[in-house]
Amino acid sequence: MSSPAKLQDLPPKGGYQNIPFARVPAKTYFRGWQMIAGYAGISTVGLFLYWLNVKENHRNEIEMRSARNVIYPLLVAERDREYMKQLRRNRDEEAELMKNVEGWEVGTWYGEPVFKTLPKDKLIEPTFQEFYVHTEHKHMAQRTDIKLMS
């Protein structure tokens, strides 16, 4: 028995198609003058919106500055009020602590004024540690950090 002859793989009748190797340029959507006009238009609109935003920011800054100027005296008054309340608490705490000590008057050293040349109604501002002496340590520590930063 003989085997049938094998068919060889041959090109199709008429040959293969030509291979396209020529450069195919990309499709142009816009011409040069159209791109420049688009850039100019977009830049003009962007600058206009930027100008509107700058005006709005300027108005907001003026308003915030005015609000700060208005509220500043109130904040200073509240700070001073809290300062005086803490001095009162310190004095009351000293009176409570030293009530059993004979001859002790609050604000003096056993009845003798500490500052003899100053009038009695003159406020002597305490040092930082004296101011926070009757508070929790964390309050003084927080204020120490703020004081060091400023």
N, C-alpha and C. Protein backbone atom coordinates (compact mmCIF):
# COMPACT_ATOMS: atom_id res chain seq x y z
N MET A 1 0.80 -1.16 0.00
CA MET A 1 0.00 0.00 0.00
C MET A 1 0.86 1.24 0.00
N SER A 2 0.49 2.03 -0.83
CA SER A 2 1.28 3.24 -0.93
C SER A 2 0.49 4.40 -0.33
N SER A 3 1.19 5.31 0.31
CA SER A 3 0.52 6.46 0.95
C SER A 3 0.28 7.55 -0.08
N PRO A 4 -0.82 8.29 0.11
CA PRO A 4 -1.10 9.35 -0.85
C PRO A 4 -0.04 10.45 -0.77
N ALA A 5 0.16 11.14 -1.82
CA ALA A 5 1.16 12.21 -1.86
C ALA A 5 0.66 13.39 -1.03
N LYS A 6 1.55 13.94 -0.26
CA LYS A 6 1.19 15.08 0.59
C LYS A 6 1.13 16.34 -0.25
N LEU A 7 0.10 17.16 0.07
CA LEU A 7 -0.03 18.42 -0.65
C LEU A 7 0.83 19.48 0.03
N GLN A 8 1.54 20.20 -0.77
CA GLN A 8 2.40 21.24 -0.25
C GLN A 8 1.60 22.51 -0.06
N ASP A 9 1.91 23.27 1.00
CA ASP A 9 1.23 24.54 1.26
C ASP A 9 1.74 25.56 0.26
N LEU A 10 0.84 26.06 -0.55
CA LEU A 10 1.23 26.97 -1.62
C LEU A 10 0.51 28.30 -1.46
N PRO A 11 1.03 29.34 -2.11
CA PRO A 11 0.31 30.62 -2.07
C PRO A 11 -1.02 30.51 -2.79
N PRO A 12 -1.95 31.37 -2.43
CA PRO A 12 -3.24 31.30 -3.12
C PRO A 12 -3.09 31.66 -4.60
N LYS A 13 -4.05 31.28 -5.37
CA LYS A 13 -3.99 31.59 -6.80
C LYS A 13 -4.04 33.10 -6.96
N GLY A 14 -3.24 33.68 -7.73
CA GLY A 14 -3.16 35.12 -7.95
C GLY A 14 -2.16 35.79 -7.00
N GLY A 15 -1.65 35.07 -6.02
CA GLY A 15 -0.64 35.59 -5.11
C GLY A 15 -1.20 36.28 -3.86
N TYR A 16 -0.30 36.59 -2.96
CA TYR A 16 -0.68 37.31 -1.74
C TYR A 16 -0.94 38.78 -2.06
N GLN A 17 -1.69 39.45 -1.16
CA GLN A 17 -1.93 40.88 -1.32
C GLN A 17 -0.64 41.64 -1.02
N ASN A 18 -0.55 42.85 -1.53
CA ASN A 18 0.61 43.68 -1.23
C ASN A 18 0.58 44.11 0.24
N ILE A 19 1.74 44.19 0.85
CA ILE A 19 1.85 44.61 2.25
C ILE A 19 1.89 46.15 2.26
N PRO A 20 0.94 46.80 2.97
CA PRO A 20 0.94 48.26 2.99
C PRO A 20 2.04 48.78 3.93
N PHE A 21 3.03 49.38 3.38
CA PHE A 21 4.12 49.89 4.20
C PHE A 21 4.28 51.40 4.06
N ALA A 22 3.41 52.01 3.26
CA ALA A 22 3.49 53.46 3.08
C ALA A 22 2.99 54.17 4.34
N ARG A 23 3.52 55.38 4.62
CA ARG A 23 3.14 56.16 5.81
C ARG A 23 1.70 56.60 5.68
N VAL A 24 0.91 56.38 6.77
CA VAL A 24 -0.48 56.82 6.80
C VAL A 24 -0.54 58.00 7.78
N PRO A 25 -0.71 59.22 7.29
CA PRO A 25 -0.71 60.37 8.21
C PRO A 25 -1.94 60.36 9.11
N ALA A 26 -1.77 60.90 10.31
CA ALA A 26 -2.88 60.98 11.26
C ALA A 26 -3.91 61.98 10.76
N LYS A 27 -5.14 61.74 11.15
CA LYS A 27 -6.21 62.61 10.71
C LYS A 27 -6.08 63.95 11.44
N THR A 28 -6.16 65.03 10.75
CA THR A 28 -6.07 66.36 11.36
C THR A 28 -7.48 66.85 11.66
N TYR A 29 -7.71 67.14 12.93
CA TYR A 29 -9.01 67.62 13.35
C TYR A 29 -9.08 69.15 13.28
N PHE A 30 -7.94 69.80 13.55
CA PHE A 30 -7.92 71.26 13.55
C PHE A 30 -6.73 71.73 12.74
N ARG A 31 -6.90 72.89 12.14
CA ARG A 31 -5.79 73.52 11.46
C ARG A 31 -5.03 74.36 12.48
N GLY A 32 -3.89 74.87 12.10
CA GLY A 32 -3.06 75.64 13.02
C GLY A 32 -3.75 76.89 13.55
N TRP A 33 -4.39 77.66 12.68
CA TRP A 33 -5.05 78.88 13.12
C TRP A 33 -6.22 78.57 14.05
N GLN A 34 -6.87 77.42 13.86
CA GLN A 34 -7.98 77.02 14.74
C GLN A 34 -7.45 76.69 16.13
N MET A 35 -6.31 76.04 16.19
CA MET A 35 -5.73 75.71 17.50
C MET A 35 -5.29 76.97 18.24
N ILE A 36 -4.70 77.92 17.53
CA ILE A 36 -4.27 79.17 18.17
C ILE A 36 -5.49 79.95 18.66
N ALA A 37 -6.55 79.98 17.84
CA ALA A 37 -7.78 80.67 18.24
C ALA A 37 -8.40 79.99 19.46
N GLY A 38 -8.40 78.66 19.49
CA GLY A 38 -8.93 77.93 20.66
C GLY A 38 -8.13 78.22 21.92
N TYR A 39 -6.80 78.24 21.78
CA TYR A 39 -5.94 78.54 22.92
C TYR A 39 -6.21 79.95 23.44
N ALA A 40 -6.33 80.91 22.51
CA ALA A 40 -6.60 82.29 22.92
C ALA A 40 -7.96 82.39 23.60
N GLY A 41 -8.96 81.71 23.08
CA GLY A 41 -10.29 81.75 23.69
C GLY A 41 -10.32 81.14 25.07
N ILE A 42 -9.71 79.98 25.22
CA ILE A 42 -9.69 79.31 26.52
C ILE A 42 -8.89 80.14 27.53
N SER A 43 -7.78 80.73 27.09
CA SER A 43 -6.98 81.57 28.00
C SER A 43 -7.76 82.80 28.42
N THR A 44 -8.50 83.40 27.50
CA THR A 44 -9.29 84.59 27.83
C THR A 44 -10.37 84.25 28.85
N VAL A 45 -11.09 83.17 28.64
CA VAL A 45 -12.13 82.75 29.58
C VAL A 45 -11.49 82.42 30.94
N GLY A 46 -10.36 81.73 30.94
CA GLY A 46 -9.69 81.39 32.19
C GLY A 46 -9.23 82.62 32.95
N LEU A 47 -8.68 83.59 32.25
CA LEU A 47 -8.25 84.82 32.91
C LEU A 47 -9.44 85.61 33.46
N PHE A 48 -10.55 85.61 32.74
CA PHE A 48 -11.75 86.28 33.24
C PHE A 48 -12.25 85.63 34.51
N LEU A 49 -12.31 84.30 34.53
CA LEU A 49 -12.75 83.58 35.74
C LEU A 49 -11.77 83.80 36.89
N TYR A 50 -10.48 83.85 36.60
CA TYR A 50 -9.48 84.13 37.62
C TYR A 50 -9.69 85.52 38.20
N TRP A 51 -9.98 86.50 37.35
CA TRP A 51 -10.21 87.87 37.79
C TRP A 51 -11.44 87.94 38.70
N LEU A 52 -12.51 87.23 38.33
CA LEU A 52 -13.70 87.19 39.19
C LEU A 52 -13.37 86.57 40.54
N ASN A 53 -12.57 85.51 40.53
CA ASN A 53 -12.20 84.83 41.77
C ASN A 53 -11.34 85.73 42.65
N VAL A 54 -10.41 86.47 42.04
CA VAL A 54 -9.56 87.37 42.81
C VAL A 54 -10.40 88.45 43.48
N LYS A 55 -11.37 88.99 42.73
CA LYS A 55 -12.24 90.01 43.32
C LYS A 55 -13.02 89.45 44.51
N GLU A 56 -13.56 88.25 44.36
CA GLU A 56 -14.32 87.62 45.45
C GLU A 56 -13.42 87.37 46.66
N ASN A 57 -12.21 86.86 46.42
CA ASN A 57 -11.28 86.62 47.52
C ASN A 57 -10.92 87.91 48.23
N HIS A 58 -10.73 88.98 47.45
CA HIS A 58 -10.40 90.27 48.05
C HIS A 58 -11.55 90.76 48.94
N ARG A 59 -12.78 90.63 48.47
CA ARG A 59 -13.94 91.02 49.29
C ARG A 59 -14.00 90.18 50.56
N ASN A 60 -13.75 88.87 50.43
CA ASN A 60 -13.78 88.00 51.62
C ASN A 60 -12.69 88.36 52.62
N GLU A 61 -11.50 88.70 52.12
CA GLU A 61 -10.42 89.10 53.02
C GLU A 61 -10.77 90.38 53.76
N ILE A 62 -11.36 91.34 53.06
CA ILE A 62 -11.77 92.59 53.72
C ILE A 62 -12.81 92.30 54.78
N GLU A 63 -13.77 91.44 54.47
CA GLU A 63 -14.81 91.11 55.44
C GLU A 63 -14.23 90.41 56.67
N MET A 64 -13.31 89.46 56.44
CA MET A 64 -12.71 88.75 57.58
C MET A 64 -11.86 89.69 58.42
N ARG A 65 -11.13 90.60 57.77
CA ARG A 65 -10.32 91.56 58.50
C ARG A 65 -11.21 92.48 59.34
N SER A 66 -12.33 92.91 58.77
CA SER A 66 -13.27 93.75 59.52
C SER A 66 -13.86 92.98 60.70
N ALA A 67 -14.19 91.72 60.48
CA ALA A 67 -14.75 90.92 61.57
C ALA A 67 -13.73 90.75 62.70
N ARG A 68 -12.45 90.51 62.31
CA ARG A 68 -11.42 90.40 63.35
C ARG A 68 -11.26 91.70 64.12
N ASN A 69 -11.29 92.83 63.40
CA ASN A 69 -11.15 94.12 64.07
C ASN A 69 -12.32 94.39 65.01
N VAL A 70 -13.50 93.92 64.63
CA VAL A 70 -14.67 94.16 65.47
C VAL A 70 -14.63 93.28 66.72
N ILE A 71 -14.22 92.02 66.56
CA ILE A 71 -14.29 91.09 67.69
C ILE A 71 -13.06 91.16 68.60
N TYR A 72 -11.98 91.78 68.14
CA TYR A 72 -10.74 91.81 68.91
C TYR A 72 -10.92 92.43 70.31
N PRO A 73 -11.59 93.59 70.45
CA PRO A 73 -11.76 94.14 71.81
C PRO A 73 -12.53 93.20 72.73
N LEU A 74 -13.52 92.50 72.17
CA LEU A 74 -14.27 91.55 72.99
C LEU A 74 -13.38 90.40 73.46
N LEU A 75 -12.53 89.88 72.58
CA LEU A 75 -11.63 88.79 72.95
C LEU A 75 -10.61 89.24 73.99
N VAL A 76 -10.11 90.45 73.84
CA VAL A 76 -9.15 90.98 74.82
C VAL A 76 -9.84 91.16 76.17
N ALA A 77 -11.07 91.67 76.16
CA ALA A 77 -11.82 91.84 77.42
C ALA A 77 -12.08 90.50 78.09
N GLU A 78 -12.43 89.49 77.31
CA GLU A 78 -12.66 88.15 77.88
C GLU A 78 -11.37 87.57 78.43
N ARG A 79 -10.26 87.79 77.73
CA ARG A 79 -8.97 87.30 78.23
C ARG A 79 -8.62 87.97 79.55
N ASP A 80 -8.81 89.29 79.63
CA ASP A 80 -8.51 90.02 80.86
C ASP A 80 -9.45 89.59 81.99
N ARG A 81 -10.72 89.35 81.65
CA ARG A 81 -11.68 88.91 82.67
C ARG A 81 -11.27 87.54 83.23
N GLU A 82 -10.88 86.63 82.36
CA GLU A 82 -10.44 85.31 82.82
C GLU A 82 -9.16 85.41 83.63
N TYR A 83 -8.28 86.32 83.25
CA TYR A 83 -7.04 86.56 84.00
C TYR A 83 -7.38 87.00 85.42
N MET A 84 -8.30 87.96 85.55
CA MET A 84 -8.67 88.45 86.88
C MET A 84 -9.39 87.36 87.69
N LYS A 85 -10.20 86.54 87.02
CA LYS A 85 -10.87 85.45 87.74
C LYS A 85 -9.85 84.45 88.28
N GLN A 86 -8.78 84.17 87.50
CA GLN A 86 -7.75 83.25 87.97
C GLN A 86 -6.99 83.87 89.15
N LEU A 87 -6.73 85.16 89.10
CA LEU A 87 -6.08 85.81 90.25
C LEU A 87 -6.96 85.71 91.49
N ARG A 88 -8.26 85.87 91.30
CA ARG A 88 -9.19 85.74 92.43
C ARG A 88 -9.18 84.31 92.96
N ARG A 89 -9.17 83.32 92.06
CA ARG A 89 -9.13 81.92 92.51
C ARG A 89 -7.83 81.63 93.26
N ASN A 90 -6.72 82.19 92.77
CA ASN A 90 -5.44 82.00 93.47
C ASN A 90 -5.50 82.61 94.87
N ARG A 91 -6.06 83.80 94.98
CA ARG A 91 -6.15 84.46 96.29
C ARG A 91 -7.05 83.67 97.23
N ASP A 92 -8.20 83.19 96.72
CA ASP A 92 -9.10 82.40 97.56
C ASP A 92 -8.45 81.09 97.99
N GLU A 93 -7.70 80.47 97.09
CA GLU A 93 -7.01 79.22 97.43
C GLU A 93 -5.93 79.47 98.49
N GLU A 94 -5.22 80.59 98.37
CA GLU A 94 -4.22 80.93 99.38
C GLU A 94 -4.88 81.14 100.73
N ALA A 95 -6.01 81.82 100.74
CA ALA A 95 -6.73 82.05 102.00
C ALA A 95 -7.18 80.72 102.61
N GLU A 96 -7.64 79.80 101.78
CA GLU A 96 -8.09 78.49 102.27
C GLU A 96 -6.91 77.68 102.81
N LEU A 97 -5.78 77.69 102.11
CA LEU A 97 -4.62 76.91 102.53
C LEU A 97 -4.00 77.45 103.83
N MET A 98 -3.97 78.75 103.97
CA MET A 98 -3.26 79.37 105.09
C MET A 98 -4.17 79.83 106.22
N LYS A 99 -5.42 79.36 106.24
CA LYS A 99 -6.36 79.83 107.26
C LYS A 99 -5.95 79.43 108.68
N ASN A 100 -5.18 78.36 108.84
CA ASN A 100 -4.79 77.89 110.17
C ASN A 100 -3.44 78.44 110.62
N VAL A 101 -2.82 79.27 109.78
CA VAL A 101 -1.50 79.83 110.14
C VAL A 101 -1.73 81.17 110.80
N GLU A 102 -1.17 81.32 112.01
CA GLU A 102 -1.37 82.58 112.77
C GLU A 102 -0.60 83.72 112.11
N GLY A 103 -1.24 84.86 112.04
CA GLY A 103 -0.60 86.05 111.52
C GLY A 103 -0.53 86.13 110.00
N TRP A 104 -1.15 85.18 109.32
CA TRP A 104 -1.06 85.18 107.86
C TRP A 104 -2.19 86.00 107.27
N GLU A 105 -1.83 86.95 106.44
CA GLU A 105 -2.81 87.72 105.66
C GLU A 105 -2.57 87.41 104.19
N VAL A 106 -3.65 87.27 103.47
CA VAL A 106 -3.54 86.96 102.04
C VAL A 106 -2.89 88.14 101.33
N GLY A 107 -1.89 87.84 100.49
CA GLY A 107 -1.22 88.88 99.72
C GLY A 107 -0.07 89.54 100.46
N THR A 108 0.24 89.07 101.65
CA THR A 108 1.36 89.63 102.41
C THR A 108 2.25 88.50 102.88
N TRP A 109 3.35 88.85 103.50
CA TRP A 109 4.24 87.86 104.10
C TRP A 109 4.14 88.04 105.61
N TYR A 110 3.26 87.25 106.23
CA TYR A 110 2.96 87.34 107.65
C TYR A 110 2.63 88.77 108.06
N GLY A 111 1.74 89.39 107.29
CA GLY A 111 1.27 90.73 107.63
C GLY A 111 2.09 91.86 107.03
N GLU A 112 3.28 91.59 106.56
CA GLU A 112 4.14 92.61 105.95
C GLU A 112 3.90 92.63 104.44
N PRO A 113 3.64 93.79 103.83
CA PRO A 113 3.48 93.83 102.39
C PRO A 113 4.78 93.46 101.68
N VAL A 114 4.67 92.71 100.62
CA VAL A 114 5.85 92.26 99.89
C VAL A 114 6.49 93.44 99.16
N PHE A 115 5.66 94.29 98.57
CA PHE A 115 6.16 95.47 97.85
C PHE A 115 5.76 96.70 98.67
N LYS A 116 6.68 97.22 99.42
CA LYS A 116 6.36 98.30 100.35
C LYS A 116 6.23 99.66 99.68
N THR A 117 6.83 99.85 98.54
CA THR A 117 6.82 101.17 97.91
C THR A 117 5.66 101.36 96.94
N LEU A 118 4.88 100.32 96.72
CA LEU A 118 3.76 100.43 95.78
C LEU A 118 2.47 100.69 96.53
N PRO A 119 1.54 101.44 95.92
CA PRO A 119 0.24 101.65 96.57
C PRO A 119 -0.52 100.33 96.69
N LYS A 120 -1.47 100.28 97.64
CA LYS A 120 -2.20 99.03 97.90
C LYS A 120 -3.10 98.63 96.73
N ASP A 121 -3.59 99.61 95.96
CA ASP A 121 -4.50 99.27 94.86
C ASP A 121 -3.77 98.97 93.56
N LYS A 122 -2.45 98.91 93.56
CA LYS A 122 -1.65 98.61 92.37
C LYS A 122 -1.64 97.09 92.15
N LEU A 123 -1.95 96.68 90.90
CA LEU A 123 -1.93 95.26 90.56
C LEU A 123 -0.49 94.85 90.27
N ILE A 124 -0.02 93.88 91.02
CA ILE A 124 1.30 93.32 90.80
C ILE A 124 1.08 92.01 90.05
N GLU A 125 1.51 92.00 88.80
CA GLU A 125 1.27 90.80 88.00
C GLU A 125 2.17 89.67 88.47
N PRO A 126 1.58 88.50 88.69
CA PRO A 126 2.38 87.37 89.14
C PRO A 126 3.24 86.81 88.02
N THR A 127 4.25 86.06 88.42
CA THR A 127 5.06 85.38 87.41
C THR A 127 4.23 84.25 86.80
N PHE A 128 4.77 83.65 85.77
CA PHE A 128 4.06 82.59 85.07
C PHE A 128 3.74 81.43 86.02
N GLN A 129 4.72 81.02 86.80
CA GLN A 129 4.51 79.89 87.72
C GLN A 129 3.54 80.28 88.84
N GLU A 130 3.62 81.51 89.34
CA GLU A 130 2.70 81.95 90.40
C GLU A 130 1.26 81.97 89.90
N PHE A 131 1.09 82.35 88.65
CA PHE A 131 -0.26 82.43 88.09
C PHE A 131 -0.92 81.05 88.03
N TYR A 132 -0.15 80.02 87.68
CA TYR A 132 -0.70 78.67 87.53
C TYR A 132 -0.46 77.79 88.75
N VAL A 133 -0.10 78.37 89.87
CA VAL A 133 0.30 77.57 91.03
C VAL A 133 -0.86 76.71 91.57
N HIS A 134 -2.08 77.16 91.46
CA HIS A 134 -3.22 76.40 92.02
C HIS A 134 -4.07 75.76 90.92
N THR A 135 -3.48 75.48 89.79
CA THR A 135 -4.21 74.80 88.71
C THR A 135 -3.57 73.44 88.47
N GLU A 136 -4.20 72.67 87.61
CA GLU A 136 -3.61 71.38 87.25
C GLU A 136 -2.36 71.63 86.40
N HIS A 137 -1.41 70.72 86.53
CA HIS A 137 -0.14 70.89 85.81
C HIS A 137 -0.34 70.92 84.29
N LYS A 138 -1.31 70.17 83.80
CA LYS A 138 -1.50 70.11 82.34
C LYS A 138 -1.88 71.46 81.77
N HIS A 139 -2.62 72.29 82.54
CA HIS A 139 -2.97 73.62 82.04
C HIS A 139 -1.72 74.49 81.91
N MET A 140 -0.86 74.41 82.89
CA MET A 140 0.38 75.19 82.81
C MET A 140 1.26 74.66 81.68
N ALA A 141 1.31 73.35 81.51
CA ALA A 141 2.15 72.77 80.46
C ALA A 141 1.65 73.17 79.07
N GLN A 142 0.34 73.18 78.89
CA GLN A 142 -0.21 73.61 77.60
C GLN A 142 0.12 75.07 77.34
N ARG A 143 -0.02 75.89 78.35
CA ARG A 143 0.25 77.33 78.18
C ARG A 143 1.75 77.58 77.99
N THR A 144 2.59 76.76 78.59
CA THR A 144 4.03 76.91 78.41
C THR A 144 4.39 76.68 76.96
N ASP A 145 3.79 75.66 76.33
CA ASP A 145 4.06 75.40 74.92
C ASP A 145 3.62 76.57 74.07
N ILE A 146 2.46 77.14 74.36
CA ILE A 146 1.97 78.29 73.59
C ILE A 146 2.90 79.47 73.79
N LYS A 147 3.33 79.68 75.03
CA LYS A 147 4.20 80.81 75.33
C LYS A 147 5.54 80.68 74.61
N LEU A 148 6.06 79.45 74.52
CA LEU A 148 7.34 79.25 73.84
C LEU A 148 7.21 79.46 72.34
N MET A 149 6.05 79.14 71.75
CA MET A 149 5.88 79.30 70.31
C MET A 149 5.72 80.77 69.92
N SER A 150 5.17 81.59 70.80
CA SER A 150 4.93 82.99 70.42
C SER A 150 6.11 83.87 70.68
